[in-house]
Amino acid sequence: MVIGHESWKALKRHKQIRDLISDNQNKIITINFLKEIFEIPNIIVGRAVFIDQNNEFVKIWKDNIVLAYVPNLSVRTEYDPSFAYLIKKKNALNVDEYKKEGNKLRYIRATDIYTPFMVGPEAGYLIGDTN
């Protein structure tokens, strides 16, 4: 499960979820608590951002939640259902460094070659606009 940062802020303050915590515990919602009540082993909060054409930071995951089934790497076969795969070229990550005029700035560039494939859309759900 990937929870957008805006959804995470709303979820950790949600009254019905907070009521699930016993009175003798600190009523702070954590990722581990959500893993326990949702019975989902992998929950990640998506905090990534990008810069749009107006040079403003935009949150990639916004207020969305993606629930996707992906089998464990150690036990999966080509016959197992999966929401998506990320195909990467082996040793394709290339990092280089260069300087521009004046030698005051160092530019570090990272290039990677990969392609995502959504192979089983029925193995995932998008919960959008959670706020």
Protein backbone atom coordinates (compact mmCIF):
# COMPACT_ATOMS: atom_id res chain seq x y z
CA MET A 1 0.00 0.00 0.00
CA VAL A 2 1.28 3.45 -0.91
CA ILE A 3 -0.42 6.29 0.93
CA GLY A 4 -0.05 9.81 -0.42
CA HIS A 5 1.28 12.30 2.11
CA GLU A 6 -1.98 14.28 2.17
CA SER A 7 -3.93 11.07 2.79
CA TRP A 8 -1.47 10.06 5.51
CA LYS A 9 -1.97 13.35 7.35
CA ALA A 10 -5.75 12.83 7.29
CA LEU A 11 -5.55 9.12 8.15
CA LYS A 12 -3.36 9.53 11.22
CA ARG A 13 -5.84 12.04 12.66
CA HIS A 14 -8.98 10.06 11.75
CA LYS A 15 -11.23 9.65 14.78
CA GLN A 16 -12.43 6.11 13.99
CA ILE A 17 -8.88 4.84 13.61
CA ARG A 18 -7.76 6.61 16.79
CA ASP A 19 -10.66 4.96 18.64
CA LEU A 20 -9.14 1.55 17.82
CA ILE A 21 -6.21 2.33 20.12
CA SER A 22 -6.80 1.33 23.73
CA ASP A 23 -7.09 4.08 26.32
CA ASN A 24 -3.88 3.13 28.10
CA GLN A 25 -1.73 3.63 24.98
CA ASN A 26 -0.48 6.79 23.35
CA LYS A 27 -3.06 7.64 20.67
CA ILE A 28 -0.56 8.29 17.90
CA ILE A 29 -1.22 6.50 14.62
CA THR A 30 1.96 4.97 13.21
CA ILE A 31 2.73 3.00 10.07
CA ASN A 32 3.24 -0.11 12.21
CA PHE A 33 -0.21 0.34 13.75
CA LEU A 34 -1.77 0.60 10.27
CA LYS A 35 0.08 -2.54 9.17
CA GLU A 36 -1.46 -4.35 12.12
CA ILE A 37 -5.07 -3.19 11.70
CA PHE A 38 -5.14 -3.42 7.88
CA GLU A 39 -3.12 -6.69 7.90
CA ILE A 40 -0.86 -5.38 5.14
CA PRO A 41 2.89 -6.07 5.51
CA ASN A 42 4.18 -3.20 3.36
CA ILE A 43 2.83 0.31 3.80
CA ILE A 44 4.76 3.29 2.47
CA VAL A 45 3.97 6.99 2.71
CA GLY A 46 4.60 8.66 -0.66
CA ARG A 47 6.36 11.95 0.04
CA ALA A 48 7.99 12.45 -3.38
CA VAL A 49 7.62 15.80 -5.14
CA PHE A 50 8.42 17.24 -8.55
CA ILE A 51 8.71 20.75 -9.95
CA ASP A 52 5.97 21.71 -12.41
CA GLN A 53 6.16 24.17 -15.32
CA ASN A 54 5.54 27.06 -12.88
CA ASN A 55 8.60 26.04 -10.79
CA GLU A 56 6.36 24.99 -7.91
CA PHE A 57 6.73 21.80 -5.91
CA VAL A 58 3.87 19.35 -6.48
CA LYS A 59 3.31 16.20 -4.43
CA ILE A 60 3.28 13.16 -6.70
CA TRP A 61 0.93 10.97 -4.63
CA LYS A 62 -1.30 13.88 -3.47
CA ASP A 63 -4.31 12.53 -1.56
CA ASN A 64 -4.43 9.11 -3.20
CA ILE A 65 -3.87 5.59 -1.93
CA VAL A 66 -2.71 2.69 -4.11
CA LEU A 67 -3.37 -0.82 -2.88
CA ALA A 68 -1.51 -3.30 -5.08
CA TYR A 69 -0.62 -6.97 -4.83
CA VAL A 70 2.98 -7.80 -5.69
CA PRO A 71 4.41 -11.20 -4.64
CA ASN A 72 7.64 -11.41 -2.66
CA LEU A 73 10.74 -11.50 -4.82
CA SER A 74 12.07 -14.70 -3.22
CA VAL A 75 8.98 -16.82 -3.96
CA ARG A 76 7.40 -15.41 -7.11
CA THR A 77 7.25 -17.09 -10.49
CA GLU A 78 6.13 -15.87 -13.88
CA TYR A 79 2.72 -17.44 -13.16
CA ASP A 80 2.00 -15.39 -10.03
CA PRO A 81 -0.42 -12.49 -10.34
CA SER A 82 1.12 -9.09 -9.84
CA PHE A 83 -0.03 -5.51 -10.24
CA ALA A 84 3.14 -4.31 -11.95
CA TYR A 85 6.80 -4.96 -12.62
CA LEU A 86 9.72 -2.61 -13.04
CA ILE A 87 12.16 -3.88 -15.65
CA LYS A 88 15.66 -2.44 -15.17
CA LYS A 89 18.71 -2.87 -17.33
CA LYS A 90 21.46 -4.47 -15.30
CA ASN A 91 24.20 -2.02 -14.23
CA ALA A 92 22.43 0.78 -16.12
CA LEU A 93 22.66 3.36 -13.35
CA ASN A 94 25.24 5.90 -14.44
CA VAL A 95 26.32 8.81 -12.24
CA ASP A 96 28.66 11.50 -13.49
CA GLU A 97 29.85 14.86 -12.25
CA TYR A 98 30.86 17.99 -14.11
CA LYS A 99 31.57 21.65 -13.43
CA LYS A 100 30.39 24.71 -15.28
CA GLU A 101 32.10 28.03 -15.87
CA GLY A 102 33.73 29.50 -12.80
CA ASN A 103 34.04 26.10 -11.06
CA LYS A 104 31.70 27.30 -8.32
CA LEU A 105 29.03 24.68 -8.92
CA ARG A 106 29.30 20.93 -9.21
CA TYR A 107 26.59 19.22 -11.22
CA ILE A 108 25.86 15.60 -10.44
CA ARG A 109 23.75 13.75 -12.97
CA ALA A 110 22.20 10.31 -12.51
CA THR A 111 20.86 8.33 -15.45
CA ASP A 112 18.99 5.05 -15.13
CA ILE A 113 17.30 2.83 -17.71
CA TYR A 114 14.03 1.20 -16.64
CA THR A 115 10.49 0.60 -17.83
CA PRO A 116 7.43 0.01 -15.63
CA PHE A 117 4.80 -2.47 -16.84
CA MET A 118 1.31 -2.71 -15.38
CA VAL A 119 0.63 -6.38 -16.09
CA GLY A 120 -2.30 -7.11 -13.77
CA PRO A 121 -4.48 -4.06 -13.22
CA GLU A 122 -7.07 -6.25 -11.51
CA ALA A 123 -4.49 -6.87 -8.73
CA GLY A 124 -4.56 -3.23 -7.64
CA TYR A 125 -6.90 -0.47 -6.56
CA LEU A 126 -6.64 3.30 -6.66
CA ILE A 127 -8.44 5.09 -3.86
CA GLY A 128 -8.52 8.66 -5.08
CA ASP A 129 -9.39 12.01 -3.58
CA THR A 130 -9.36 10.85 0.04
CA ASN A 131 -9.70 14.30 1.56
